Amino acid sequence: MSNMGMYFGEFFGTMLLILLGDGVVANVVLKDSKGNNSGWIVISTAWGLAVAMAAYTTGWVSGAHLNPALTLGFAAIGNISWSLVPGYIVAQMLGAMVGAILVYLTYKDHFAATEDADAKLGVFCTAPAIRNTVSNMITEIIGTAMLVIGILGINHGNNGVGALSALLAGFLVWSIGLSLGGPTGYAINPARDLGPRIAHAILPIPGKRDSDWGYAWIPIVGPIIGGILGAFVYQLFTNLWV
């Protein structure tokens, strides 16, 4: 597979991830949607399924990282060449933006009908339940470390999961959302948060608020730290077990 093919795989997979992931948030929080007020279990379940569907679609092309934190974590322990990292991250960011735009087009009438500007922003990006910089950062670090540890564990050769790996990755994200998602909405992915946040800023959404740029750096920096930390923690423990 050529580098451009792998980059397109990351673009397309991340676009699908955000279309289905941000799509469920729109379904739950926007006025007059069929899924309005259906709750956190619906959101976390659909995000897990979104990861699985996107991974099955493009995993055979690029590995379906769909997440700069995962790409950086893998590169840090030698699971992917550093030369691929910039292209992967750019593709993931662009895919996330396009996915968010598709969600807007799908729910355009519901954005117009919804008066709550915070809910409209929440379709695109995360926000903390309690705003505390240190706590929010720690939450994102822990959640992303768990993501990377889990994915490395699922795909360890001794498990022999084969084609089930994408489905299990979806279960992992579902578990993280249910267990660790409450404080910050579990971005655990810089592209998942920043790409749609940019889309929110540029789209002609009626009655929208600012895009909360004061918080935006936390779901970027926290996942990057957590992704690299998680990769090294998993490598450390597997080296001790062998």
Protein backbone atom coordinates (compact mmCIF):
# COMPACT_ATOMS: atom_id res chain seq x y z
CA MET A 1 0.00 0.00 0.00
CA SER A 2 1.39 3.44 -0.96
CA ASN A 3 1.75 6.23 1.59
CA MET A 4 -1.00 8.20 -0.14
CA GLY A 5 -3.28 5.18 0.07
CA MET A 6 -2.65 4.91 3.80
CA TYR A 7 -3.22 8.64 4.27
CA PHE A 8 -6.52 8.41 2.43
CA GLY A 9 -7.45 5.45 4.62
CA GLU A 10 -6.89 7.58 7.72
CA PHE A 11 -8.87 10.44 6.20
CA PHE A 12 -11.81 8.25 5.24
CA GLY A 13 -11.83 6.25 8.46
CA THR A 14 -11.72 9.36 10.65
CA MET A 15 -14.48 10.94 8.58
CA LEU A 16 -16.68 7.89 9.24
CA LEU A 17 -15.77 7.91 12.93
CA ILE A 18 -16.88 11.52 13.35
CA LEU A 19 -19.94 11.16 11.14
CA LEU A 20 -21.26 8.36 13.35
CA GLY A 21 -19.80 9.63 16.65
CA ASP A 22 -20.78 13.29 16.45
CA GLY A 23 -23.95 12.13 14.73
CA VAL A 24 -25.18 10.34 17.84
CA VAL A 25 -24.49 13.41 19.95
CA ALA A 26 -26.58 15.49 17.55
CA ASN A 27 -29.34 12.88 17.73
CA VAL A 28 -29.39 13.02 21.53
CA VAL A 29 -28.99 16.74 22.25
CA LEU A 30 -30.66 18.61 19.38
CA LYS A 31 -34.31 19.62 19.56
CA ASP A 32 -37.00 17.48 17.90
CA SER A 33 -34.59 14.71 16.92
CA LYS A 34 -35.96 11.17 17.16
CA GLY A 35 -33.27 10.35 19.74
CA ASN A 36 -33.56 13.53 21.81
CA ASN A 37 -32.69 13.06 25.50
CA SER A 38 -31.90 9.36 25.07
CA GLY A 39 -28.84 9.75 27.27
CA TRP A 40 -25.22 8.88 27.87
CA ILE A 41 -25.56 5.15 27.31
CA VAL A 42 -26.74 5.82 23.76
CA ILE A 43 -23.86 8.23 23.11
CA SER A 44 -21.17 5.95 24.49
CA THR A 45 -22.57 2.89 22.73
CA ALA A 46 -22.72 4.61 19.36
CA TRP A 47 -19.18 5.97 19.73
CA GLY A 48 -17.93 2.43 20.34
CA LEU A 49 -19.79 1.18 17.28
CA ALA A 50 -18.43 4.12 15.28
CA VAL A 51 -14.88 3.09 16.12
CA ALA A 52 -15.57 -0.52 15.11
CA MET A 53 -17.24 0.41 11.81
CA ALA A 54 -14.51 2.88 10.86
CA ALA A 55 -11.80 0.39 11.80
CA TYR A 56 -13.36 -2.41 9.76
CA THR A 57 -13.67 -0.06 6.78
CA THR A 58 -10.08 1.19 6.69
CA GLY A 59 -8.05 -0.94 9.07
CA TRP A 60 -6.77 -3.12 6.24
CA VAL A 61 -5.55 0.03 4.44
CA SER A 62 -3.84 2.12 7.12
CA GLY A 63 -4.26 0.27 10.40
CA ALA A 64 -7.16 2.62 11.26
CA HIS A 65 -5.41 4.73 13.87
CA LEU A 66 -8.01 7.51 13.34
CA ASN A 67 -6.33 9.35 16.22
CA PRO A 68 -3.08 11.37 16.40
CA ALA A 69 -2.54 10.21 19.99
CA LEU A 70 -2.60 6.60 18.85
CA THR A 71 -0.32 7.34 15.91
CA LEU A 72 2.20 9.15 18.13
CA GLY A 73 2.05 6.41 20.75
CA PHE A 74 2.70 3.74 18.14
CA ALA A 75 5.56 5.74 16.63
CA ALA A 76 7.12 6.26 20.05
CA ILE A 77 7.51 2.50 20.55
CA GLY A 78 8.45 1.73 16.95
CA ASN A 79 5.15 0.29 15.72
CA ILE A 80 4.96 2.80 12.85
CA SER A 81 7.59 4.83 11.04
CA TRP A 82 7.95 8.44 12.14
CA SER A 83 7.99 9.40 8.45
CA LEU A 84 4.29 8.48 8.23
CA VAL A 85 3.23 10.44 11.30
CA PRO A 86 2.75 13.94 9.76
CA GLY A 87 0.67 12.58 6.88
CA TYR A 88 -1.44 10.45 9.21
CA ILE A 89 -2.18 13.40 11.50
CA VAL A 90 -3.08 15.77 8.66
CA ALA A 91 -5.37 13.13 7.15
CA GLN A 92 -7.03 12.47 10.51
CA MET A 93 -7.65 16.19 11.08
CA LEU A 94 -9.14 16.72 7.62
CA GLY A 95 -11.29 13.61 7.94
CA ALA A 96 -12.61 14.81 11.29
CA MET A 97 -13.54 18.18 9.83
CA VAL A 98 -15.36 16.64 6.88
CA GLY A 99 -17.18 14.20 9.14
CA ALA A 100 -18.38 17.07 11.32
CA ILE A 101 -19.61 18.98 8.28
CA LEU A 102 -21.61 15.93 7.20
CA VAL A 103 -23.22 15.79 10.66
CA TYR A 104 -24.19 19.45 10.32
CA LEU A 105 -25.75 18.81 6.91
CA THR A 106 -27.67 15.82 8.30
CA TYR A 107 -29.05 17.74 11.30
CA LYS A 108 -29.22 21.21 9.75
CA ASP A 109 -32.91 21.74 10.56
CA HIS A 110 -32.40 20.55 14.14
CA PHE A 111 -29.49 22.94 14.67
CA ALA A 112 -31.82 25.73 13.57
CA ALA A 113 -34.58 24.54 15.90
CA THR A 114 -32.28 24.23 18.94
CA GLU A 115 -31.83 27.30 21.13
CA ASP A 116 -29.17 25.89 23.47
CA ALA A 117 -25.84 27.12 22.07
CA ASP A 118 -23.86 24.88 24.44
CA ALA A 119 -25.69 21.83 23.09
CA LYS A 120 -24.86 22.85 19.54
CA LEU A 121 -21.18 23.13 20.43
CA GLY A 122 -21.35 19.82 22.28
CA VAL A 123 -22.26 18.04 19.04
CA PHE A 124 -18.83 18.92 17.69
CA CYS A 125 -16.41 18.81 20.60
CA THR A 126 -15.98 17.99 24.27
CA ALA A 127 -16.35 20.15 27.35
CA PRO A 128 -15.74 19.34 31.02
CA ALA A 129 -18.58 18.69 33.42
CA ILE A 130 -16.55 20.55 36.07
CA ARG A 131 -13.99 22.93 34.61
CA ASN A 132 -10.68 22.30 36.35
CA THR A 133 -7.58 22.43 34.16
CA VAL A 134 -5.47 19.98 36.14
CA SER A 135 -8.27 17.48 36.71
CA ASN A 136 -9.46 17.68 33.11
CA MET A 137 -5.93 17.14 31.83
CA ILE A 138 -5.39 14.12 34.11
CA THR A 139 -8.70 12.62 32.99
CA GLU A 140 -7.77 12.89 29.32
CA ILE A 141 -4.30 11.44 29.98
CA ILE A 142 -5.72 8.45 31.86
CA GLY A 143 -8.47 7.80 29.30
CA THR A 144 -6.12 7.95 26.33
CA ALA A 145 -3.49 5.81 28.05
CA MET A 146 -6.21 3.21 28.63
CA LEU A 147 -7.16 3.43 24.96
CA VAL A 148 -3.62 2.77 23.75
CA ILE A 149 -2.93 0.06 26.34
CA GLY A 150 -6.18 -1.65 25.40
CA ILE A 151 -5.55 -1.54 21.65
CA LEU A 152 -2.00 -2.84 22.04
CA GLY A 153 -3.31 -5.57 24.30
CA ILE A 154 -6.13 -6.57 21.96
CA ASN A 155 -3.72 -6.85 19.05
CA HIS A 156 -0.99 -8.72 20.89
CA GLY A 157 -0.04 -11.82 18.94
CA ASN A 158 -0.80 -14.16 21.83
CA ASN A 159 -4.48 -13.18 21.72
CA GLY A 160 -4.97 -14.22 18.10
CA VAL A 161 -8.10 -12.10 17.72
CA GLY A 162 -7.66 -11.53 13.98
CA ALA A 163 -10.72 -9.97 12.38
CA LEU A 164 -12.32 -9.40 15.78
CA SER A 165 -9.76 -6.72 16.68
CA ALA A 166 -11.83 -3.84 15.27
CA LEU A 167 -14.95 -5.00 17.11
CA LEU A 168 -12.99 -5.31 20.35
CA ALA A 169 -11.56 -1.83 19.83
CA GLY A 170 -15.14 -0.62 19.66
CA PHE A 171 -15.94 -2.39 22.92
CA LEU A 172 -12.85 -0.76 24.44
CA VAL A 173 -14.03 2.74 23.48
CA TRP A 174 -17.52 1.90 24.74
CA SER A 175 -16.00 0.82 28.07
CA ILE A 176 -13.89 3.96 28.34
CA GLY A 177 -16.92 6.12 27.65
CA LEU A 178 -19.04 4.38 30.28
CA SER A 179 -16.31 4.29 32.92
CA LEU A 180 -14.12 7.36 32.35
CA GLY A 181 -16.15 9.63 30.08
CA GLY A 182 -18.12 11.54 32.71
CA PRO A 183 -15.63 14.27 33.70
CA THR A 184 -14.62 15.54 30.22
CA GLY A 185 -16.68 13.67 27.64
CA TYR A 186 -13.63 11.51 26.80
CA ALA A 187 -12.10 13.19 23.78
CA ILE A 188 -9.09 10.79 23.96
CA ASN A 189 -8.34 11.90 20.39
CA PRO A 190 -7.00 15.34 19.34
CA ALA A 191 -8.45 15.06 15.82
CA ARG A 192 -11.88 14.01 17.13
CA ASP A 193 -12.04 17.22 19.17
CA LEU A 194 -10.08 19.83 17.20
CA GLY A 195 -11.29 18.99 13.69
CA PRO A 196 -15.00 19.29 14.55
CA ARG A 197 -14.30 22.33 16.76
CA ILE A 198 -12.83 24.07 13.71
CA ALA A 199 -15.87 23.00 11.70
CA HIS A 200 -18.14 24.51 14.38
CA ALA A 201 -16.21 27.77 14.13
CA ILE A 202 -16.60 28.08 10.35
CA LEU A 203 -20.05 26.59 9.74
CA PRO A 204 -23.06 28.94 9.46
CA ILE A 205 -24.84 27.47 12.49
CA PRO A 206 -27.64 29.79 13.63
CA GLY A 207 -27.41 30.95 17.24
CA LYS A 208 -24.07 29.32 17.90
CA ARG A 209 -21.68 30.43 20.66
CA ASP A 210 -17.90 30.73 20.52
CA SER A 211 -15.99 27.47 20.04
CA ASP A 212 -14.49 27.47 23.57
CA TRP A 213 -10.90 27.86 22.42
CA GLY A 214 -9.78 28.42 26.01
CA TYR A 215 -10.45 24.75 26.73
CA ALA A 216 -9.52 23.38 23.31
CA TRP A 217 -5.85 22.73 24.13
CA ILE A 218 -6.67 20.19 26.87
CA PRO A 219 -8.22 17.55 24.55
CA ILE A 220 -5.15 17.99 22.35
CA VAL A 221 -2.30 17.94 24.86
CA GLY A 222 -3.87 15.46 27.31
CA PRO A 223 -4.45 12.71 24.73
CA ILE A 224 -0.99 13.18 23.20
CA ILE A 225 0.63 12.72 26.61
CA GLY A 226 -1.67 9.83 27.43
CA GLY A 227 -1.13 8.11 24.10
CA ILE A 228 2.66 8.14 24.39
CA LEU A 229 2.56 7.26 28.09
CA GLY A 230 0.16 4.37 27.49
CA ALA A 231 2.36 2.94 24.75
CA PHE A 232 5.45 2.98 26.96
CA VAL A 233 3.55 1.57 29.97
CA TYR A 234 2.27 -1.33 27.89
CA GLN A 235 5.73 -1.95 26.43
CA LEU A 236 7.26 -1.88 29.92
CA PHE A 237 4.85 -4.42 31.33
CA THR A 238 5.02 -6.76 28.33
CA ASN A 239 8.81 -6.71 28.57
CA LEU A 240 8.53 -7.70 32.25
CA TRP A 241 6.14 -10.56 31.41
CA VAL A 242 8.24 -12.05 28.62
